[in-house]
């Protein structure tokens, strides 16, 4: 959900900047622009001499404006590049012991991890996500525990079961994992 909102906001900001830039370029080239547009000729400027000279005596003004604009550009670029980065691994490189290797779909491994962890006693729901690099994946798991579940026992069962099986089947030397445990919240029911 968060990445969808980020992408929509990024697309809207980009569209707004393209439209404004195109309108300024059209006005600068002498094309006809709407009557409400503030710059309508080749000789119009964004900041007049009076506007630029108003803060000239203040030595801090222009360096501050340039620094703020540079920070905004860097933040916008960082935000854009963050949208391109995948949060999850699409595939994992598996050592097939024949010198060739194979690729395992990340969603398949996530599904197996979540399924095996979800079958444990006391686990209501399990979710797994692969992160990291293809040759060195990492796992993030979220387990929703029933009230009777022992957190330490469940954590040990996941480490000895699902994570060990996944590590061995993928031929990985190690499979670092972050497991988050959360208790199920049941609504109170009236007993008569």
N, C-alpha and C. Protein backbone atom coordinates (compact mmCIF):
# COMPACT_ATOMS: atom_id res chain seq x y z
N UNK A 1 0.83 -1.20 0.00
CA UNK A 1 0.00 0.00 0.00
C UNK A 1 0.87 1.25 0.00
N UNK A 2 1.90 1.25 0.85
CA UNK A 2 2.75 2.43 0.95
C UNK A 2 3.47 2.69 -0.36
N UNK A 3 3.95 1.64 -1.02
CA UNK A 3 4.66 1.85 -2.28
C UNK A 3 3.71 2.34 -3.37
N UNK A 4 2.45 1.91 -3.32
CA UNK A 4 1.46 2.41 -4.29
C UNK A 4 1.23 3.90 -4.09
N UNK A 5 1.08 4.32 -2.86
CA UNK A 5 0.88 5.75 -2.57
C UNK A 5 2.11 6.54 -3.00
N UNK A 6 3.30 6.01 -2.72
CA UNK A 6 4.53 6.70 -3.14
C UNK A 6 4.58 6.86 -4.65
N UNK A 7 4.24 5.81 -5.37
CA UNK A 7 4.30 5.88 -6.83
C UNK A 7 3.26 6.83 -7.39
N UNK A 8 2.07 6.85 -6.80
CA UNK A 8 1.04 7.78 -7.27
C UNK A 8 1.48 9.22 -7.01
N UNK A 9 1.99 9.50 -5.81
CA UNK A 9 2.46 10.85 -5.50
C UNK A 9 3.62 11.25 -6.40
N UNK A 10 4.52 10.32 -6.65
CA UNK A 10 5.65 10.61 -7.53
C UNK A 10 5.18 10.89 -8.95
N UNK A 11 4.21 10.11 -9.43
CA UNK A 11 3.67 10.33 -10.78
C UNK A 11 2.96 11.68 -10.86
N UNK A 12 2.18 12.05 -9.85
CA UNK A 12 1.50 13.34 -9.86
C UNK A 12 2.49 14.50 -9.81
N UNK A 13 3.51 14.38 -8.96
CA UNK A 13 4.53 15.44 -8.90
C UNK A 13 5.26 15.56 -10.23
N UNK A 14 5.59 14.43 -10.84
CA UNK A 14 6.26 14.46 -12.14
C UNK A 14 5.39 15.07 -13.22
N UNK A 15 4.12 14.69 -13.23
CA UNK A 15 3.19 15.25 -14.22
C UNK A 15 3.04 16.75 -14.04
N UNK A 16 2.92 17.21 -12.80
CA UNK A 16 2.81 18.64 -12.53
C UNK A 16 4.05 19.38 -13.01
N UNK A 17 5.22 18.83 -12.72
CA UNK A 17 6.46 19.49 -13.15
C UNK A 17 6.60 19.50 -14.66
N UNK A 18 6.19 18.43 -15.33
CA UNK A 18 6.27 18.39 -16.80
C UNK A 18 5.31 19.41 -17.41
N UNK A 19 4.08 19.51 -16.88
CA UNK A 19 3.11 20.47 -17.41
C UNK A 19 3.59 21.90 -17.18
N UNK A 20 4.07 22.20 -15.97
CA UNK A 20 4.55 23.57 -15.69
C UNK A 20 5.78 23.89 -16.54
N UNK A 21 6.71 22.94 -16.63
CA UNK A 21 7.90 23.16 -17.46
C UNK A 21 7.55 23.35 -18.92
N UNK A 22 6.60 22.55 -19.42
CA UNK A 22 6.17 22.69 -20.81
C UNK A 22 5.50 24.03 -21.06
N UNK A 23 4.69 24.48 -20.09
CA UNK A 23 4.03 25.77 -20.25
C UNK A 23 5.04 26.92 -20.25
N UNK A 24 6.03 26.85 -19.36
CA UNK A 24 7.07 27.90 -19.34
C UNK A 24 7.87 27.87 -20.64
N UNK A 25 8.19 26.67 -21.12
CA UNK A 25 8.92 26.55 -22.37
C UNK A 25 8.10 27.08 -23.54
N UNK A 26 6.81 26.77 -23.57
CA UNK A 26 5.94 27.27 -24.65
C UNK A 26 5.87 28.79 -24.62
N UNK A 27 5.74 29.37 -23.43
CA UNK A 27 5.69 30.82 -23.33
C UNK A 27 7.01 31.44 -23.75
N UNK A 28 8.13 30.78 -23.38
CA UNK A 28 9.44 31.30 -23.76
C UNK A 28 9.70 31.22 -25.25
N UNK A 29 9.11 30.26 -25.90
CA UNK A 29 9.29 30.13 -27.35
C UNK A 29 8.31 30.98 -28.14
N UNK A 30 7.41 31.67 -27.44
CA UNK A 30 6.48 32.57 -28.09
C UNK A 30 5.17 31.94 -28.49
N UNK A 31 4.89 30.72 -28.05
CA UNK A 31 3.61 30.08 -28.37
C UNK A 31 2.50 30.75 -27.56
N UNK A 32 1.28 30.60 -28.03
CA UNK A 32 0.16 31.23 -27.32
C UNK A 32 -0.13 30.45 -26.04
N UNK A 33 -0.32 31.19 -24.97
CA UNK A 33 -0.63 30.60 -23.66
C UNK A 33 -1.93 31.21 -23.17
N UNK A 34 -2.60 30.57 -22.21
CA UNK A 34 -3.86 31.12 -21.70
C UNK A 34 -3.66 32.51 -21.09
N UNK A 35 -4.74 33.27 -21.04
CA UNK A 35 -4.66 34.65 -20.54
C UNK A 35 -4.31 34.71 -19.05
N UNK A 36 -4.63 33.69 -18.30
CA UNK A 36 -4.34 33.70 -16.86
C UNK A 36 -2.89 33.35 -16.55
N UNK A 37 -2.14 32.89 -17.53
CA UNK A 37 -0.75 32.49 -17.30
C UNK A 37 0.09 33.72 -17.00
N UNK A 38 0.87 33.73 -15.92
CA UNK A 38 1.60 34.95 -15.52
C UNK A 38 2.72 35.35 -16.47
N UNK A 39 3.29 34.42 -17.21
CA UNK A 39 4.37 34.76 -18.14
C UNK A 39 3.87 34.48 -19.55
N UNK A 40 3.77 35.53 -20.34
CA UNK A 40 3.17 35.32 -21.66
C UNK A 40 4.04 35.80 -22.82
N UNK A 41 5.26 36.11 -22.57
CA UNK A 41 6.10 36.59 -23.66
C UNK A 41 7.52 36.09 -23.55
N UNK A 42 8.27 36.27 -24.64
CA UNK A 42 9.66 35.82 -24.64
C UNK A 42 10.51 36.62 -23.66
N UNK A 43 10.14 37.84 -23.40
CA UNK A 43 10.96 38.71 -22.55
C UNK A 43 10.57 38.65 -21.08
N UNK A 44 9.53 37.91 -20.72
CA UNK A 44 9.14 37.79 -19.31
C UNK A 44 10.13 36.89 -18.57
N UNK A 45 10.36 37.22 -17.30
CA UNK A 45 11.27 36.43 -16.47
C UNK A 45 10.53 35.98 -15.22
N UNK A 46 11.04 34.93 -14.60
CA UNK A 46 10.41 34.43 -13.38
C UNK A 46 10.60 35.40 -12.22
N UNK A 47 11.81 35.94 -12.08
CA UNK A 47 12.10 36.92 -11.03
C UNK A 47 12.59 38.20 -11.68
N UNK A 48 11.92 39.31 -11.38
CA UNK A 48 12.33 40.60 -11.94
C UNK A 48 13.59 41.10 -11.23
N UNK A 49 14.16 42.18 -11.75
CA UNK A 49 15.34 42.77 -11.11
C UNK A 49 15.02 43.21 -9.69
N UNK A 50 13.83 43.75 -9.49
CA UNK A 50 13.45 44.20 -8.14
C UNK A 50 13.33 43.01 -7.19
N UNK A 51 12.74 41.90 -7.68
CA UNK A 51 12.61 40.71 -6.83
C UNK A 51 13.97 40.11 -6.49
N UNK A 52 14.87 40.08 -7.45
CA UNK A 52 16.20 39.52 -7.20
C UNK A 52 17.03 40.44 -6.30
N UNK A 53 16.85 41.73 -6.42
CA UNK A 53 17.65 42.68 -5.66
C UNK A 53 17.14 42.93 -4.25
N UNK A 54 15.91 42.52 -3.97
CA UNK A 54 15.32 42.78 -2.66
C UNK A 54 16.16 42.21 -1.52
N UNK A 55 16.72 41.04 -1.69
CA UNK A 55 17.48 40.37 -0.63
C UNK A 55 18.99 40.41 -0.89
N UNK A 56 19.42 41.21 -1.83
CA UNK A 56 20.84 41.22 -2.20
C UNK A 56 21.73 41.66 -1.04
N UNK A 57 21.26 42.59 -0.22
CA UNK A 57 22.07 43.06 0.90
C UNK A 57 22.24 42.00 1.98
N UNK A 58 21.32 41.05 2.02
CA UNK A 58 21.41 39.99 3.01
C UNK A 58 22.33 38.91 2.45
N UNK A 59 23.49 38.73 3.06
CA UNK A 59 24.47 37.79 2.56
C UNK A 59 24.06 36.33 2.70
N UNK A 60 23.13 36.06 3.55
CA UNK A 60 22.71 34.67 3.79
C UNK A 60 21.62 34.22 2.83
N UNK A 61 20.92 35.13 2.17
CA UNK A 61 19.72 34.78 1.42
C UNK A 61 19.97 33.81 0.26
N UNK A 62 20.81 34.20 -0.70
CA UNK A 62 21.00 33.36 -1.88
C UNK A 62 21.69 32.03 -1.56
N UNK A 63 22.69 31.98 -0.69
CA UNK A 63 23.23 30.66 -0.33
C UNK A 63 22.18 29.75 0.33
N UNK A 64 21.31 30.35 1.13
CA UNK A 64 20.25 29.56 1.77
C UNK A 64 19.27 29.04 0.73
N UNK A 65 18.87 29.89 -0.21
CA UNK A 65 17.94 29.46 -1.26
C UNK A 65 18.55 28.33 -2.08
N UNK A 66 19.80 28.48 -2.45
CA UNK A 66 20.47 27.45 -3.26
C UNK A 66 20.61 26.16 -2.45
N UNK A 67 20.96 26.24 -1.18
CA UNK A 67 21.10 25.04 -0.34
C UNK A 67 19.76 24.32 -0.18
N UNK A 68 18.69 25.07 0.05
CA UNK A 68 17.37 24.46 0.20
C UNK A 68 16.94 23.78 -1.10
N UNK A 69 17.15 24.44 -2.21
CA UNK A 69 16.81 23.84 -3.50
C UNK A 69 17.64 22.59 -3.78
N UNK A 70 18.92 22.62 -3.43
CA UNK A 70 19.78 21.45 -3.63
C UNK A 70 19.31 20.28 -2.76
N UNK A 71 18.93 20.56 -1.52
CA UNK A 71 18.41 19.51 -0.64
C UNK A 71 17.11 18.94 -1.20
N UNK A 72 16.24 19.80 -1.71
CA UNK A 72 14.99 19.32 -2.31
C UNK A 72 15.24 18.44 -3.52
N UNK A 73 16.20 18.81 -4.35
CA UNK A 73 16.53 17.99 -5.52
C UNK A 73 17.09 16.64 -5.09
N UNK A 74 17.98 16.63 -4.10
CA UNK A 74 18.54 15.36 -3.61
C UNK A 74 17.44 14.48 -3.00
N UNK A 75 16.55 15.06 -2.21
CA UNK A 75 15.45 14.29 -1.62
C UNK A 75 14.51 13.74 -2.69
N UNK A 76 14.20 14.54 -3.70
CA UNK A 76 13.34 14.07 -4.78
C UNK A 76 14.00 12.94 -5.56
N UNK A 77 15.30 13.05 -5.80
CA UNK A 77 16.02 11.99 -6.50
C UNK A 77 16.07 10.71 -5.66
N UNK A 78 16.32 10.86 -4.36
CA UNK A 78 16.33 9.70 -3.45
C UNK A 78 14.96 9.03 -3.44
N UNK A 79 13.90 9.82 -3.39
CA UNK A 79 12.53 9.28 -3.38
C UNK A 79 12.26 8.53 -4.68
N UNK A 80 12.68 9.12 -5.81
CA UNK A 80 12.49 8.46 -7.10
C UNK A 80 13.22 7.13 -7.16
N UNK A 81 14.47 7.11 -6.74
CA UNK A 81 15.25 5.88 -6.79
C UNK A 81 14.72 4.83 -5.81
N UNK A 82 14.15 5.26 -4.70
CA UNK A 82 13.56 4.32 -3.75
C UNK A 82 12.36 3.60 -4.35
N UNK A 83 11.67 4.22 -5.29
CA UNK A 83 10.52 3.58 -5.94
C UNK A 83 10.96 2.46 -6.86
N UNK A 84 12.16 2.56 -7.40
CA UNK A 84 12.65 1.56 -8.34
C UNK A 84 13.18 0.32 -7.63
N UNK A 85 13.57 0.47 -6.38
CA UNK A 85 14.15 -0.64 -5.63
C UNK A 85 13.05 -1.63 -5.23
N UNK A 86 13.32 -2.88 -5.44
CA UNK A 86 12.37 -3.91 -5.04
C UNK A 86 12.55 -4.19 -3.56
N UNK A 87 11.46 -4.32 -2.86
CA UNK A 87 11.52 -4.64 -1.44
C UNK A 87 11.71 -6.12 -1.20
N UNK A 88 11.33 -6.93 -2.19
CA UNK A 88 11.41 -8.37 -2.02
C UNK A 88 12.23 -8.96 -3.16
N UNK A 89 12.79 -10.12 -2.87
CA UNK A 89 13.57 -10.82 -3.89
C UNK A 89 12.65 -11.53 -4.86
N UNK A 90 12.93 -11.40 -6.14
CA UNK A 90 12.15 -12.11 -7.14
C UNK A 90 12.64 -13.54 -7.31
N UNK A 91 13.92 -13.76 -7.06
CA UNK A 91 14.48 -15.10 -7.22
C UNK A 91 15.68 -15.28 -6.31
N UNK A 92 15.99 -16.55 -6.02
CA UNK A 92 17.12 -16.93 -5.19
C UNK A 92 17.98 -17.88 -6.00
N UNK A 93 19.29 -17.65 -5.96
CA UNK A 93 20.20 -18.56 -6.65
C UNK A 93 20.42 -19.79 -5.79
N UNK A 94 20.18 -20.97 -6.39
CA UNK A 94 20.30 -22.24 -5.68
C UNK A 94 21.52 -22.97 -6.19
N UNK A 95 22.33 -23.47 -5.28
CA UNK A 95 23.50 -24.26 -5.66
C UNK A 95 23.03 -25.68 -5.95
N UNK A 96 23.12 -26.09 -7.21
CA UNK A 96 22.65 -27.43 -7.59
C UNK A 96 23.77 -28.46 -7.58
N UNK A 97 24.95 -28.10 -7.13
CA UNK A 97 26.12 -28.97 -6.98
C UNK A 97 26.64 -29.53 -8.29
N UNK A 98 26.20 -29.03 -9.42
CA UNK A 98 26.72 -29.49 -10.70
C UNK A 98 27.50 -28.40 -11.42
N UNK A 99 27.76 -27.31 -10.72
CA UNK A 99 28.50 -26.22 -11.31
C UNK A 99 27.64 -25.24 -12.09
N UNK A 100 26.40 -25.58 -12.34
CA UNK A 100 25.51 -24.72 -13.12
C UNK A 100 24.73 -23.77 -12.22
N UNK A 101 24.04 -24.30 -11.26
CA UNK A 101 23.17 -23.49 -10.41
C UNK A 101 21.78 -23.41 -10.98
N UNK A 102 20.86 -22.94 -10.20
CA UNK A 102 19.46 -22.80 -10.62
C UNK A 102 18.87 -21.57 -9.94
N UNK A 103 17.70 -21.21 -10.40
CA UNK A 103 17.00 -20.07 -9.81
C UNK A 103 15.68 -20.57 -9.23
N UNK A 104 15.40 -20.11 -8.01
CA UNK A 104 14.17 -20.46 -7.33
C UNK A 104 13.35 -19.18 -7.18
N UNK A 105 12.10 -19.25 -7.55
CA UNK A 105 11.24 -18.06 -7.40
C UNK A 105 11.14 -17.68 -5.92
N UNK A 106 11.31 -16.41 -5.66
CA UNK A 106 11.26 -15.93 -4.29
C UNK A 106 9.89 -16.15 -3.65
N UNK A 107 8.83 -15.92 -4.43
CA UNK A 107 7.46 -16.11 -3.89
C UNK A 107 7.22 -17.56 -3.50
N UNK A 108 7.81 -18.49 -4.25
CA UNK A 108 7.63 -19.91 -3.92
C UNK A 108 8.29 -20.23 -2.58
N UNK A 109 9.50 -19.74 -2.38
CA UNK A 109 10.19 -19.98 -1.11
C UNK A 109 9.47 -19.29 0.04
N UNK A 110 8.98 -18.08 -0.21
CA UNK A 110 8.20 -17.38 0.83
C UNK A 110 6.95 -18.16 1.20
N UNK A 111 6.27 -18.70 0.18
CA UNK A 111 5.06 -19.48 0.44
C UNK A 111 5.33 -20.73 1.25
N UNK A 112 6.43 -21.42 0.94
CA UNK A 112 6.80 -22.63 1.69
C UNK A 112 7.16 -22.28 3.12
N UNK A 113 7.94 -21.22 3.31
CA UNK A 113 8.31 -20.79 4.67
C UNK A 113 7.06 -20.44 5.48
N UNK A 114 6.18 -19.64 4.90
CA UNK A 114 4.96 -19.24 5.61
C UNK A 114 4.06 -20.44 5.88
N UNK A 115 3.95 -21.34 4.91
CA UNK A 115 3.10 -22.51 5.09
C UNK A 115 3.60 -23.42 6.19
N UNK A 116 4.92 -23.68 6.20
CA UNK A 116 5.47 -24.57 7.23
C UNK A 116 5.39 -23.92 8.61
N UNK A 117 5.65 -22.62 8.69
CA UNK A 117 5.56 -21.94 9.98
C UNK A 117 4.10 -21.84 10.43
N UNK A 118 3.17 -21.69 9.49
CA UNK A 118 1.76 -21.58 9.84
C UNK A 118 1.16 -22.87 10.36
N UNK A 119 1.80 -24.01 10.07
CA UNK A 119 1.30 -25.30 10.55
C UNK A 119 1.72 -25.60 11.98
N UNK A 120 2.60 -24.80 12.55
CA UNK A 120 3.06 -25.05 13.92
C UNK A 120 1.92 -24.82 14.91
N UNK A 121 1.96 -25.58 16.01
CA UNK A 121 0.95 -25.42 17.05
C UNK A 121 1.07 -24.04 17.69
N UNK A 122 -0.02 -23.34 17.74
CA UNK A 122 -0.06 -22.02 18.35
C UNK A 122 0.13 -20.87 17.38
N UNK A 123 0.40 -21.17 16.11
CA UNK A 123 0.56 -20.11 15.11
C UNK A 123 -0.75 -19.96 14.36
N UNK A 124 -1.35 -18.80 14.47
CA UNK A 124 -2.62 -18.52 13.79
C UNK A 124 -2.39 -18.20 12.32
N UNK A 125 -1.38 -17.38 12.06
CA UNK A 125 -1.09 -16.95 10.69
C UNK A 125 0.40 -16.67 10.58
N UNK A 126 0.97 -16.92 9.41
CA UNK A 126 2.39 -16.67 9.18
C UNK A 126 2.58 -15.97 7.85
N UNK A 127 3.54 -15.07 7.81
CA UNK A 127 3.88 -14.34 6.58
C UNK A 127 5.40 -14.30 6.49
N UNK A 128 5.94 -14.54 5.30
CA UNK A 128 7.39 -14.50 5.09
C UNK A 128 7.69 -13.63 3.87
N UNK A 129 8.80 -12.91 3.96
CA UNK A 129 9.26 -12.07 2.84
C UNK A 129 10.77 -12.21 2.73
N UNK A 130 11.25 -12.39 1.51
CA UNK A 130 12.68 -12.49 1.25
C UNK A 130 13.24 -11.13 0.87
N UNK A 131 14.35 -10.78 1.46
CA UNK A 131 15.04 -9.53 1.13
C UNK A 131 16.51 -9.86 0.91
N UNK A 132 17.32 -8.86 0.70
CA UNK A 132 18.74 -9.07 0.50
C UNK A 132 19.10 -9.26 -0.95
N UNK A 133 20.16 -10.05 -1.20
CA UNK A 133 20.64 -10.30 -2.56
C UNK A 133 20.27 -11.71 -2.98
N UNK A 134 20.30 -11.96 -4.27
CA UNK A 134 19.93 -13.28 -4.80
C UNK A 134 20.82 -14.39 -4.26
N UNK A 135 22.10 -14.11 -4.11
CA UNK A 135 23.03 -15.13 -3.62
C UNK A 135 23.07 -15.18 -2.10
N UNK A 136 22.57 -14.16 -1.44
CA UNK A 136 22.58 -14.12 0.03
C UNK A 136 21.24 -13.56 0.53
N UNK A 137 20.19 -14.36 0.42
CA UNK A 137 18.88 -13.86 0.85
C UNK A 137 18.75 -13.78 2.36
N UNK A 138 17.81 -12.97 2.79
CA UNK A 138 17.45 -12.85 4.20
C UNK A 138 15.93 -12.99 4.28
N UNK A 139 15.46 -13.42 5.43
CA UNK A 139 14.03 -13.66 5.61
C UNK A 139 13.50 -12.74 6.69
N UNK A 140 12.34 -12.18 6.42
CA UNK A 140 11.56 -11.46 7.44
C UNK A 140 10.25 -12.20 7.60
N UNK A 141 9.99 -12.68 8.81
CA UNK A 141 8.76 -13.43 9.07
C UNK A 141 7.95 -12.71 10.13
N UNK A 142 6.64 -12.79 9.95
CA UNK A 142 5.69 -12.29 10.97
C UNK A 142 4.78 -13.44 11.33
N UNK A 143 4.73 -13.74 12.61
CA UNK A 143 3.88 -14.83 13.09
C UNK A 143 2.83 -14.26 14.03
N UNK A 144 1.60 -14.65 13.81
CA UNK A 144 0.50 -14.26 14.67
C UNK A 144 0.22 -15.45 15.58
N UNK A 145 0.46 -15.27 16.88
CA UNK A 145 0.39 -16.38 17.83
C UNK A 145 -0.94 -16.42 18.55
N UNK A 146 -1.42 -17.64 18.78
CA UNK A 146 -2.61 -17.87 19.59
C UNK A 146 -2.25 -17.62 21.05
N UNK A 147 -3.25 -17.39 21.90
CA UNK A 147 -2.95 -17.11 23.31
C UNK A 147 -2.20 -18.22 24.04
N UNK A 148 -2.38 -19.47 23.64
CA UNK A 148 -1.73 -20.58 24.35
C UNK A 148 -0.31 -20.85 23.87
N UNK A 149 0.15 -20.19 22.82
CA UNK A 149 1.46 -20.46 22.25
C UNK A 149 2.58 -19.93 23.13
N UNK A 150 3.66 -20.69 23.20
CA UNK A 150 4.86 -20.26 23.92
C UNK A 150 5.79 -19.59 22.91
N UNK A 151 6.07 -18.31 23.07
CA UNK A 151 6.88 -17.60 22.07
C UNK A 151 8.26 -18.22 21.84
N UNK A 152 8.97 -18.60 22.90
CA UNK A 152 10.30 -19.16 22.73
C UNK A 152 10.24 -20.51 22.03
N UNK A 153 9.28 -21.34 22.40
CA UNK A 153 9.12 -22.63 21.75
C UNK A 153 8.76 -22.49 20.28
N UNK A 154 7.90 -21.55 19.97
CA UNK A 154 7.51 -21.30 18.58
C UNK A 154 8.70 -20.79 17.78
N UNK A 155 9.45 -19.88 18.36
CA UNK A 155 10.63 -19.34 17.68
C UNK A 155 11.65 -20.44 17.40
N UNK A 156 11.90 -21.30 18.38
CA UNK A 156 12.84 -22.41 18.19
C UNK A 156 12.33 -23.38 17.13
N UNK A 157 11.01 -23.63 17.12
CA UNK A 157 10.44 -24.54 16.13
C UNK A 157 10.57 -23.97 14.72
N UNK A 158 10.42 -22.67 14.57
CA UNK A 158 10.59 -22.03 13.25
C UNK A 158 12.05 -22.11 12.82
N UNK A 159 12.96 -21.83 13.76
CA UNK A 159 14.39 -21.87 13.43
C UNK A 159 14.84 -23.29 13.06
N UNK A 160 14.39 -24.28 13.83
CA UNK A 160 14.81 -25.67 13.59
C UNK A 160 14.04 -26.30 12.44
N UNK A 161 12.86 -25.78 12.14
CA UNK A 161 12.03 -26.38 11.11
C UNK A 161 12.09 -25.63 9.80
N UNK A 162 11.22 -24.65 9.63
CA UNK A 162 11.05 -23.97 8.35
C UNK A 162 12.33 -23.31 7.85
N UNK A 163 13.03 -22.60 8.71
CA UNK A 163 14.24 -21.89 8.26
C UNK A 163 15.37 -22.86 7.91
N UNK A 164 15.53 -23.92 8.69
CA UNK A 164 16.57 -24.90 8.40
C UNK A 164 16.26 -25.65 7.11
N UNK A 165 15.00 -26.04 6.91
CA UNK A 165 14.61 -26.73 5.68
C UNK A 165 14.85 -25.83 4.46
N UNK A 166 14.48 -24.56 4.57
CA UNK A 166 14.67 -23.64 3.44
C UNK A 166 16.15 -23.44 3.14
N UNK A 167 16.95 -23.29 4.17
CA UNK A 167 18.39 -23.10 3.98
C UNK A 167 19.01 -24.32 3.31
N UNK A 168 18.67 -25.49 3.78
CA UNK A 168 19.23 -26.72 3.20
C UNK A 168 18.75 -26.95 1.76
N UNK A 169 17.47 -26.75 1.53
CA UNK A 169 16.94 -27.02 0.19
C UNK A 169 17.47 -26.05 -0.85
N UNK A 170 17.78 -24.82 -0.44
CA UNK A 170 18.33 -23.84 -1.38
C UNK A 170 19.85 -23.93 -1.46
N UNK A 171 20.46 -24.77 -0.63
CA UNK A 171 21.91 -24.93 -0.67
C UNK A 171 22.65 -23.70 -0.17
N UNK A 172 22.05 -23.00 0.78
CA UNK A 172 22.66 -21.78 1.32
C UNK A 172 23.48 -22.11 2.57
N UNK A 173 24.61 -21.42 2.72
CA UNK A 173 25.42 -21.59 3.92
C UNK A 173 24.71 -21.03 5.14
N UNK A 174 24.03 -19.93 4.94
CA UNK A 174 23.29 -19.31 6.04
C UNK A 174 22.06 -18.62 5.48
N UNK A 175 21.07 -18.47 6.33
CA UNK A 175 19.82 -17.80 5.96
C UNK A 175 19.40 -16.94 7.15
N UNK A 176 19.94 -15.72 7.24
CA UNK A 176 19.58 -14.85 8.37
C UNK A 176 18.08 -14.55 8.35
N UNK A 177 17.50 -14.50 9.53
CA UNK A 177 16.06 -14.27 9.61
C UNK A 177 15.74 -13.33 10.75
N UNK A 178 14.70 -12.55 10.52
CA UNK A 178 14.12 -11.70 11.55
C UNK A 178 12.68 -12.17 11.70
N UNK A 179 12.35 -12.66 12.89
CA UNK A 179 11.02 -13.19 13.13
C UNK A 179 10.33 -12.30 14.15
N UNK A 180 9.18 -11.77 13.76
CA UNK A 180 8.39 -10.92 14.65
C UNK A 180 7.16 -11.70 15.10
N UNK A 181 6.97 -11.71 16.39
CA UNK A 181 5.86 -12.44 16.98
C UNK A 181 4.83 -11.45 17.49
N UNK A 182 3.58 -11.74 17.22
CA UNK A 182 2.49 -10.88 17.68
C UNK A 182 1.36 -11.78 18.16
N UNK A 183 0.73 -11.39 19.24
CA UNK A 183 -0.36 -12.19 19.80
C UNK A 183 -1.68 -11.83 19.15
N UNK A 184 -2.51 -12.84 18.96
CA UNK A 184 -3.87 -12.62 18.42
C UNK A 184 -4.68 -11.91 19.48
N UNK A 185 -5.46 -10.94 19.07
CA UNK A 185 -6.35 -10.26 20.00
C UNK A 185 -7.77 -10.70 19.70
N UNK A 186 -8.36 -11.38 20.67
CA UNK A 186 -9.72 -11.83 20.52
C UNK A 186 -10.66 -10.84 21.18
N UNK A 187 -11.84 -10.70 20.59
CA UNK A 187 -12.84 -9.84 21.24
C UNK A 187 -13.43 -10.56 22.42
N UNK A 188 -13.77 -9.82 23.42
CA UNK A 188 -14.39 -10.42 24.60
C UNK A 188 -15.79 -10.88 24.24
N UNK A 189 -16.14 -12.04 24.75
CA UNK A 189 -17.47 -12.57 24.51
C UNK A 189 -18.19 -12.72 25.84
N UNK A 190 -19.46 -12.46 25.79
CA UNK A 190 -20.28 -12.56 27.00
C UNK A 190 -20.67 -14.02 27.21
N UNK A 191 -20.45 -14.49 28.42
CA UNK A 191 -20.82 -15.86 28.78
C UNK A 191 -22.05 -15.79 29.67
N UNK A 192 -23.07 -16.58 29.31
CA UNK A 192 -24.28 -16.51 30.14
C UNK A 192 -24.48 -17.76 30.93
